[in-house]
PDB file of N, CA and C in Angstrom:
ATOM      1  N   MET A   1       0.840  -1.185   0.000  1.00  0.00           N
ATOM      2  CA  MET A   1       0.000   0.000   0.000  1.00  0.00           C
ATOM      3  C   MET A   1       0.878   1.239   0.000  1.00  0.00           C
ATOM      4  N   GLY A   2       0.307   2.310  -0.498  1.00  0.00           N
ATOM      5  CA  GLY A   2       1.013   3.575  -0.418  1.00  0.00           C
ATOM      6  C   GLY A   2       1.054   4.036   1.022  1.00  0.00           C
ATOM      7  N   ARG A   3       1.809   5.061   1.252  1.00  0.00           N
ATOM      8  CA  ARG A   3       1.911   5.579   2.615  1.00  0.00           C
ATOM      9  C   ARG A   3       0.538   5.924   3.180  1.00  0.00           C
ATOM     10  N   ASN A   4       0.304   5.504   4.400  1.00  0.00           N
ATOM     11  CA  ASN A   4      -0.919   5.834   5.140  1.00  0.00           C
ATOM     12  C   ASN A   4      -2.198   5.396   4.432  1.00  0.00           C
ATOM     13  N   GLN A   5      -2.134   4.306   3.659  1.00  0.00           N
ATOM     14  CA  GLN A   5      -3.336   3.813   2.998  1.00  0.00           C
ATOM     15  C   GLN A   5      -3.694   2.437   3.527  1.00  0.00           C
ATOM     16  N   THR A   6      -4.970   2.189   3.606  1.00  0.00           N
ATOM     17  CA  THR A   6      -5.455   0.857   3.913  1.00  0.00           C
ATOM     18  C   THR A   6      -6.317   0.425   2.733  1.00  0.00           C
ATOM     19  N   PRO A   7      -6.598  -0.861   2.591  1.00  0.00           N
ATOM     20  CA  PRO A   7      -7.386  -1.313   1.440  1.00  0.00           C
ATOM     21  C   PRO A   7      -8.760  -0.667   1.339  1.00  0.00           C
ATOM     22  N   ASN A   8      -9.309  -0.200   2.440  1.00  0.00           N
ATOM     23  CA  ASN A   8     -10.659   0.355   2.421  1.00  0.00           C
ATOM     24  C   ASN A   8     -10.711   1.850   2.161  1.00  0.00           C
ATOM     25  N   GLN A   9      -9.550   2.510   2.104  1.00  0.00           N
ATOM     26  CA  GLN A   9      -9.557   3.941   1.856  1.00  0.00           C
ATOM     27  C   GLN A   9      -9.863   4.216   0.393  1.00  0.00           C
ATOM     28  N   GLU A  10     -10.373   5.423   0.142  1.00  0.00           N
ATOM     29  CA  GLU A  10     -10.631   5.850  -1.220  1.00  0.00           C
ATOM     30  C   GLU A  10      -9.345   5.912  -2.007  1.00  0.00           C
ATOM     31  N   LEU A  11      -9.481   5.888  -3.314  1.00  0.00           N
ATOM     32  CA  LEU A  11      -8.315   6.058  -4.168  1.00  0.00           C
ATOM     33  C   LEU A  11      -7.795   7.486  -4.062  1.00  0.00           C
ATOM     34  N   THR A  12      -6.487   7.632  -4.211  1.00  0.00           N
ATOM     35  CA  THR A  12      -5.903   8.971  -4.253  1.00  0.00           C
ATOM     36  C   THR A  12      -6.276   9.607  -5.590  1.00  0.00           C
ATOM     37  N   SER A  13      -6.103  10.899  -5.725  1.00  0.00           N
ATOM     38  CA  SER A  13      -6.418  11.552  -6.999  1.00  0.00           C
ATOM     39  C   SER A  13      -5.517  11.016  -8.106  1.00  0.00           C
ATOM     40  N   ALA A  14      -4.260  10.729  -7.804  1.00  0.00           N
ATOM     41  CA  ALA A  14      -3.350  10.178  -8.813  1.00  0.00           C
ATOM     42  C   ALA A  14      -3.814   8.790  -9.247  1.00  0.00           C
ATOM     43  N   GLN A  15      -4.268   7.969  -8.302  1.00  0.00           N
ATOM     44  CA  GLN A  15      -4.762   6.634  -8.635  1.00  0.00           C
ATOM     45  C   GLN A  15      -6.031   6.727  -9.480  1.00  0.00           C
ATOM     46  N   LYS A  16      -6.924   7.643  -9.135  1.00  0.00           N
ATOM     47  CA  LYS A  16      -8.142   7.841  -9.921  1.00  0.00           C
ATOM     48  C   LYS A  16      -7.805   8.282 -11.340  1.00  0.00           C
ATOM     49  N   ASN A  17      -6.864   9.221 -11.469  1.00  0.00           N
ATOM     50  CA  ASN A  17      -6.464   9.693 -12.795  1.00  0.00           C
ATOM     51  C   ASN A  17      -5.881   8.552 -13.622  1.00  0.00           C
ATOM     52  N   CYS A  18      -5.075   7.729 -12.999  1.00  0.00           N
ATOM     53  CA  CYS A  18      -4.467   6.595 -13.683  1.00  0.00           C
ATOM     54  C   CYS A  18      -5.545   5.607 -14.125  1.00  0.00           C
ATOM     55  N   LEU A  19      -6.450   5.274 -13.250  1.00  0.00           N
ATOM     56  CA  LEU A  19      -7.522   4.339 -13.574  1.00  0.00           C
ATOM     57  C   LEU A  19      -8.422   4.912 -14.669  1.00  0.00           C
ATOM     58  N   ARG A  20      -8.719   6.195 -14.593  1.00  0.00           N
ATOM     59  CA  ARG A  20      -9.542   6.862 -15.610  1.00  0.00           C
ATOM     60  C   ARG A  20      -8.839   6.786 -16.977  1.00  0.00           C
ATOM     61  N   ALA A  21      -7.558   7.138 -17.019  1.00  0.00           N
ATOM     62  CA  ALA A  21      -6.811   7.102 -18.278  1.00  0.00           C
ATOM     63  C   ALA A  21      -6.748   5.679 -18.832  1.00  0.00           C
ATOM     64  N   TYR A  22      -6.594   4.714 -17.959  1.00  0.00           N
ATOM     65  CA  TYR A  22      -6.536   3.306 -18.350  1.00  0.00           C
ATOM     66  C   TYR A  22      -7.857   2.899 -19.008  1.00  0.00           C
ATOM     67  N   ARG A  23      -8.960   3.216 -18.334  1.00  0.00           N
ATOM     68  CA  ARG A  23     -10.286   2.865 -18.861  1.00  0.00           C
ATOM     69  C   ARG A  23     -10.587   3.598 -20.154  1.00  0.00           C
ATOM     70  N   GLU A  24     -10.244   4.891 -20.218  1.00  0.00           N
ATOM     71  CA  GLU A  24     -10.518   5.683 -21.418  1.00  0.00           C
ATOM     72  C   GLU A  24      -9.743   5.148 -22.620  1.00  0.00           C
ATOM     73  N   HIS A  25      -8.514   4.726 -22.400  1.00  0.00           N
ATOM     74  CA  HIS A  25      -7.720   4.159 -23.490  1.00  0.00           C
ATOM     75  C   HIS A  25      -8.386   2.881 -24.012  1.00  0.00           C
ATOM     76  N   ILE A  26      -8.823   2.028 -23.101  1.00  0.00           N
ATOM     77  CA  ILE A  26      -9.499   0.785 -23.508  1.00  0.00           C
ATOM     78  C   ILE A  26     -10.782   1.105 -24.269  1.00  0.00           C
ATOM     79  N   ASP A  27     -11.559   2.062 -23.772  1.00  0.00           N
ATOM     80  CA  ASP A  27     -12.811   2.430 -24.435  1.00  0.00           C
ATOM     81  C   ASP A  27     -12.553   2.982 -25.839  1.00  0.00           C
ATOM     82  N   LYS A  28     -11.517   3.789 -25.972  1.00  0.00           N
ATOM     83  CA  LYS A  28     -11.224   4.449 -27.241  1.00  0.00           C
ATOM     84  C   LYS A  28     -10.582   3.510 -28.257  1.00  0.00           C
ATOM     85  N   PHE A  29      -9.627   2.684 -27.819  1.00  0.00           N
ATOM     86  CA  PHE A  29      -8.840   1.873 -28.738  1.00  0.00           C
ATOM     87  C   PHE A  29      -9.143   0.377 -28.676  1.00  0.00           C
ATOM     88  N   GLY A  30      -9.908  -0.047 -27.684  1.00  0.00           N
ATOM     89  CA  GLY A  30     -10.221  -1.461 -27.561  1.00  0.00           C
ATOM     90  C   GLY A  30      -9.035  -2.325 -27.175  1.00  0.00           C
ATOM     91  N   ALA A  31      -8.018  -1.691 -26.631  1.00  0.00           N
ATOM     92  CA  ALA A  31      -6.804  -2.406 -26.241  1.00  0.00           C
ATOM     93  C   ALA A  31      -6.221  -1.759 -24.991  1.00  0.00           C
ATOM     94  N   LEU A  32      -5.390  -2.517 -24.298  1.00  0.00           N
ATOM     95  CA  LEU A  32      -4.747  -1.991 -23.097  1.00  0.00           C
ATOM     96  C   LEU A  32      -3.654  -0.997 -23.471  1.00  0.00           C
ATOM     97  N   PRO A  33      -3.485   0.062 -22.694  1.00  0.00           N
ATOM     98  CA  PRO A  33      -2.419   1.021 -22.994  1.00  0.00           C
ATOM     99  C   PRO A  33      -1.054   0.459 -22.604  1.00  0.00           C
ATOM    100  N   SER A  34      -0.037   0.874 -23.334  1.00  0.00           N
ATOM    101  CA  SER A  34       1.322   0.523 -22.934  1.00  0.00           C
ATOM    102  C   SER A  34       1.709   1.400 -21.746  1.00  0.00           C
ATOM    103  N   LEU A  35       2.719   0.981 -21.035  1.00  0.00           N
ATOM    104  CA  LEU A  35       3.215   1.783 -19.919  1.00  0.00           C
ATOM    105  C   LEU A  35       3.661   3.151 -20.417  1.00  0.00           C
ATOM    106  N   ARG A  36       4.358   3.174 -21.546  1.00  0.00           N
ATOM    107  CA  ARG A  36       4.832   4.432 -22.120  1.00  0.00           C
ATOM    108  C   ARG A  36       3.665   5.360 -22.456  1.00  0.00           C
ATOM    109  N   LYS A  37       2.636   4.819 -23.119  1.00  0.00           N
ATOM    110  CA  LYS A  37       1.479   5.629 -23.507  1.00  0.00           C
ATOM    111  C   LYS A  37       0.739   6.144 -22.276  1.00  0.00           C
ATOM    112  N   LEU A  38       0.577   5.297 -21.293  1.00  0.00           N
ATOM    113  CA  LEU A  38      -0.118   5.713 -20.076  1.00  0.00           C
ATOM    114  C   LEU A  38       0.665   6.810 -19.361  1.00  0.00           C
ATOM    115  N   ALA A  39       1.985   6.666 -19.292  1.00  0.00           N
ATOM    116  CA  ALA A  39       2.829   7.686 -18.661  1.00  0.00           C
ATOM    117  C   ALA A  39       2.718   9.014 -19.410  1.00  0.00           C
ATOM    118  N   GLU A  40       2.728   8.948 -20.747  1.00  0.00           N
ATOM    119  CA  GLU A  40       2.573  10.164 -21.562  1.00  0.00           C
ATOM    120  C   GLU A  40       1.234  10.831 -21.292  1.00  0.00           C
ATOM    121  N   THR A  41       0.186  10.038 -21.276  1.00  0.00           N
ATOM    122  CA  THR A  41      -1.166  10.567 -21.048  1.00  0.00           C
ATOM    123  C   THR A  41      -1.260  11.252 -19.689  1.00  0.00           C
ATOM    124  N   LEU A  42      -0.657  10.630 -18.678  1.00  0.00           N
ATOM    125  CA  LEU A  42      -0.712  11.179 -17.317  1.00  0.00           C
ATOM    126  C   LEU A  42       0.288  12.309 -17.110  1.00  0.00           C
ATOM    127  N   GLY A  43       1.288  12.399 -17.985  1.00  0.00           N
ATOM    128  CA  GLY A  43       2.312  13.433 -17.846  1.00  0.00           C
ATOM    129  C   GLY A  43       3.252  13.170 -16.684  1.00  0.00           C
ATOM    130  N   ILE A  44       3.498  11.888 -16.405  1.00  0.00           N
ATOM    131  CA  ILE A  44       4.385  11.523 -15.297  1.00  0.00           C
ATOM    132  C   ILE A  44       5.405  10.491 -15.778  1.00  0.00           C
ATOM    133  N   ALA A  45       6.401  10.241 -14.961  1.00  0.00           N
ATOM    134  CA  ALA A  45       7.468   9.304 -15.293  1.00  0.00           C
ATOM    135  C   ALA A  45       6.948   7.872 -15.358  1.00  0.00           C
ATOM    136  N   HIS A  46       7.652   7.042 -16.132  1.00  0.00           N
ATOM    137  CA  HIS A  46       7.308   5.625 -16.225  1.00  0.00           C
ATOM    138  C   HIS A  46       7.297   4.962 -14.844  1.00  0.00           C
ATOM    139  N   SER A  47       8.288   5.305 -14.032  1.00  0.00           N
ATOM    140  CA  SER A  47       8.377   4.682 -12.705  1.00  0.00           C
ATOM    141  C   SER A  47       7.174   5.048 -11.843  1.00  0.00           C
ATOM    142  N   SER A  48       6.715   6.280 -11.948  1.00  0.00           N
ATOM    143  CA  SER A  48       5.529   6.703 -11.193  1.00  0.00           C
ATOM    144  C   SER A  48       4.282   5.993 -11.706  1.00  0.00           C
ATOM    145  N   THR A  49       4.209   5.833 -13.015  1.00  0.00           N
ATOM    146  CA  THR A  49       3.072   5.131 -13.618  1.00  0.00           C
ATOM    147  C   THR A  49       3.063   3.677 -13.178  1.00  0.00           C
ATOM    148  N   ARG A  50       4.230   3.042 -13.213  1.00  0.00           N
ATOM    149  CA  ARG A  50       4.338   1.646 -12.783  1.00  0.00           C
ATOM    150  C   ARG A  50       3.892   1.507 -11.321  1.00  0.00           C
ATOM    151  N   TYR A  51       4.300   2.452 -10.471  1.00  0.00           N
ATOM    152  CA  TYR A  51       3.912   2.427  -9.053  1.00  0.00           C
ATOM    153  C   TYR A  51       2.386   2.535  -8.914  1.00  0.00           C
ATOM    154  N   LEU A  52       1.782   3.457  -9.653  1.00  0.00           N
ATOM    155  CA  LEU A  52       0.324   3.618  -9.578  1.00  0.00           C
ATOM    156  C   LEU A  52      -0.388   2.335 -10.013  1.00  0.00           C
ATOM    157  N   LEU A  53       0.095   1.710 -11.086  1.00  0.00           N
ATOM    158  CA  LEU A  53      -0.505   0.467 -11.553  1.00  0.00           C
ATOM    159  C   LEU A  53      -0.366  -0.639 -10.508  1.00  0.00           C
ATOM    160  N   GLN A  54       0.788  -0.707  -9.872  1.00  0.00           N
ATOM    161  CA  GLN A  54       0.998  -1.713  -8.828  1.00  0.00           C
ATOM    162  C   GLN A  54       0.050  -1.475  -7.654  1.00  0.00           C
ATOM    163  N   GLU A  55      -0.144  -0.239  -7.273  1.00  0.00           N
ATOM    164  CA  GLU A  55      -1.055   0.075  -6.169  1.00  0.00           C
ATOM    165  C   GLU A  55      -2.501  -0.266  -6.547  1.00  0.00           C
ATOM    166  N   LEU A  56      -2.891   0.050  -7.775  1.00  0.00           N
ATOM    167  CA  LEU A  56      -4.250  -0.286  -8.220  1.00  0.00           C
ATOM    168  C   LEU A  56      -4.453  -1.790  -8.261  1.00  0.00           C
ATOM    169  N   GLU A  57      -3.414  -2.514  -8.638  1.00  0.00           N
ATOM    170  CA  GLU A  57      -3.511  -3.972  -8.635  1.00  0.00           C
ATOM    171  C   GLU A  57      -3.622  -4.497  -7.204  1.00  0.00           C
ATOM    172  N   LYS A  58      -2.792  -3.990  -6.305  1.00  0.00           N
ATOM    173  CA  LYS A  58      -2.833  -4.431  -4.902  1.00  0.00           C
ATOM    174  C   LYS A  58      -4.208  -4.201  -4.291  1.00  0.00           C
ATOM    175  N   ARG A  59      -4.868  -3.127  -4.711  1.00  0.00           N
ATOM    176  CA  ARG A  59      -6.158  -2.765  -4.139  1.00  0.00           C
ATOM    177  C   ARG A  59      -7.330  -3.403  -4.872  1.00  0.00           C
ATOM    178  N   GLY A  60      -7.036  -4.185  -5.924  1.00  0.00           N
ATOM    179  CA  GLY A  60      -8.092  -4.925  -6.597  1.00  0.00           C
ATOM    180  C   GLY A  60      -8.754  -4.228  -7.764  1.00  0.00           C
ATOM    181  N   TYR A  61      -8.226  -3.092  -8.210  1.00  0.00           N
ATOM    182  CA  TYR A  61      -8.826  -2.371  -9.325  1.00  0.00           C
ATOM    183  C   TYR A  61      -8.296  -2.848 -10.668  1.00  0.00           C
ATOM    184  N   LEU A  62      -7.160  -3.501 -10.679  1.00  0.00           N
ATOM    185  CA  LEU A  62      -6.582  -4.110 -11.870  1.00  0.00           C
ATOM    186  C   LEU A  62      -6.182  -5.535 -11.506  1.00  0.00           C
ATOM    187  N   VAL A  63      -6.255  -6.415 -12.466  1.00  0.00           N
ATOM    188  CA  VAL A  63      -5.811  -7.797 -12.259  1.00  0.00           C
ATOM    189  C   VAL A  63      -4.883  -8.182 -13.401  1.00  0.00           C
ATOM    190  N   GLN A  64      -3.934  -9.070 -13.106  1.00  0.00           N
ATOM    191  CA  GLN A  64      -2.960  -9.492 -14.106  1.00  0.00           C
ATOM    192  C   GLN A  64      -3.549 -10.515 -15.056  1.00  0.00           C
ATOM    193  N   LYS A  65      -3.251 -10.320 -16.335  1.00  0.00           N
ATOM    194  CA  LYS A  65      -3.576 -11.318 -17.349  1.00  0.00           C
ATOM    195  C   LYS A  65      -2.336 -12.181 -17.543  1.00  0.00           C
ATOM    196  N   PRO A  66      -2.505 -13.446 -17.781  1.00  0.00           N
ATOM    197  CA  PRO A  66      -1.329 -14.306 -17.973  1.00  0.00           C
ATOM    198  C   PRO A  66      -0.629 -14.050 -19.315  1.00  0.00           C
ATOM    199  N   ILE A  67       0.663 -13.955 -19.258  1.00  0.00           N
ATOM    200  CA  ILE A  67       1.576 -13.916 -20.402  1.00  0.00           C
ATOM    201  C   ILE A  67       1.094 -13.068 -21.582  1.00  0.00           C
ATOM    202  N   THR A  68       1.017 -11.786 -21.378  1.00  0.00           N
ATOM    203  CA  THR A  68       0.771 -10.840 -22.456  1.00  0.00           C
ATOM    204  C   THR A  68       1.723  -9.671 -22.268  1.00  0.00           C
ATOM    205  N   VAL A  69       1.822  -8.820 -23.264  1.00  0.00           N
ATOM    206  CA  VAL A  69       2.721  -7.672 -23.166  1.00  0.00           C
ATOM    207  C   VAL A  69       2.288  -6.763 -22.020  1.00  0.00           C
ATOM    208  N   MET A  70       1.039  -6.374 -22.008  1.00  0.00           N
ATOM    209  CA  MET A  70       0.506  -5.557 -20.920  1.00  0.00           C
ATOM    210  C   MET A  70      -0.403  -6.479 -20.137  1.00  0.00           C
ATOM    211  N   ARG A  71       0.051  -6.939 -18.990  1.00  0.00           N
ATOM    212  CA  ARG A  71      -0.621  -8.015 -18.268  1.00  0.00           C
ATOM    213  C   ARG A  71      -1.726  -7.547 -17.338  1.00  0.00           C
ATOM    214  N   LEU A  72      -1.921  -6.264 -17.199  1.00  0.00           N
ATOM    215  CA  LEU A  72      -2.965  -5.792 -16.299  1.00  0.00           C
ATOM    216  C   LEU A  72      -4.231  -5.478 -17.085  1.00  0.00           C
ATOM    217  N   ARG A  73      -5.353  -5.824 -16.513  1.00  0.00           N
ATOM    218  CA  ARG A  73      -6.639  -5.458 -17.097  1.00  0.00           C
ATOM    219  C   ARG A  73      -7.522  -4.939 -15.982  1.00  0.00           C
ATOM    220  N   LEU A  74      -8.588  -4.263 -16.344  1.00  0.00           N
ATOM    221  CA  LEU A  74      -9.514  -3.761 -15.347  1.00  0.00           C
ATOM    222  C   LEU A  74     -10.269  -4.922 -14.721  1.00  0.00           C
ATOM    223  N   SER A  75     -10.367  -4.906 -13.408  1.00  0.00           N
ATOM    224  CA  SER A  75     -11.195  -5.880 -12.708  1.00  0.00           C
ATOM    225  C   SER A  75     -12.617  -5.335 -12.671  1.00  0.00           C
ATOM    226  N   PRO A  76     -13.600  -6.135 -12.287  1.00  0.00           N
ATOM    227  CA  PRO A  76     -14.956  -5.602 -12.151  1.00  0.00           C
ATOM    228  C   PRO A  76     -14.995  -4.401 -11.200  1.00  0.00           C
ATOM    229  N   LYS A  77     -14.230  -4.449 -10.120  1.00  0.00           N
ATOM    230  CA  LYS A  77     -14.172  -3.331  -9.169  1.00  0.00           C
ATOM    231  C   LYS A  77     -13.603  -2.092  -9.841  1.00  0.00           C
ATOM    232  N   GLY A  78     -12.572  -2.267 -10.681  1.00  0.00           N
ATOM    233  CA  GLY A  78     -11.950  -1.149 -11.371  1.00  0.00           C
ATOM    234  C   GLY A  78     -12.846  -0.518 -12.428  1.00  0.00           C
ATOM    235  N   LYS A  79     -13.775  -1.308 -12.964  1.00  0.00           N
ATOM    236  CA  LYS A  79     -14.702  -0.797 -13.964  1.00  0.00           C
ATOM    237  C   LYS A  79     -15.830   0.014 -13.344  1.00  0.00           C
ATOM    238  N   LYS A  80     -16.136  -0.247 -12.078  1.00  0.00           N
ATOM    239  CA  LYS A  80     -17.311   0.361 -11.446  1.00  0.00           C
ATOM    240  C   LYS A  80     -17.024   1.604 -10.616  1.00  0.00           C
ATOM    241  N   VAL A  81     -15.781   1.816 -10.175  1.00  0.00           N
ATOM    242  CA  VAL A  81     -15.484   2.924  -9.274  1.00  0.00           C
ATOM    243  C   VAL A  81     -15.782   4.263  -9.970  1.00  0.00           C
ATOM    244  N   PRO A  82     -16.520   5.142  -9.318  1.00  0.00           N
ATOM    245  CA  PRO A  82     -16.810   6.451  -9.922  1.00  0.00           C
ATOM    246  C   PRO A  82     -15.540   7.308  -9.936  1.00  0.00           C
ATOM    247  N   LEU A  83     -15.255   7.904 -11.084  1.00  0.00           N
ATOM    248  CA  LEU A  83     -14.052   8.724 -11.217  1.00  0.00           C
ATOM    249  C   LEU A  83     -14.398  10.157 -11.496  1.00  0.00           C
TER     250      LEU A  83
END
């Protein structure tokens, strides 16, 4: 978890922005965004983007797909959270 976060706390604004950009990319292109594209969209470093994705996965908003280039996909919880 990020600093001072528990699984039941709301998403941070950065996490919401990341999840929103992730969902919007899927809606627009029908495919998962690359780490590079997501970082560009968010205007942040790759390492920061990777951290946000890891936190969203830990909290259940993204789940890993087996053996693909971009292994994270939206979970049902990640699809429903209001952004």
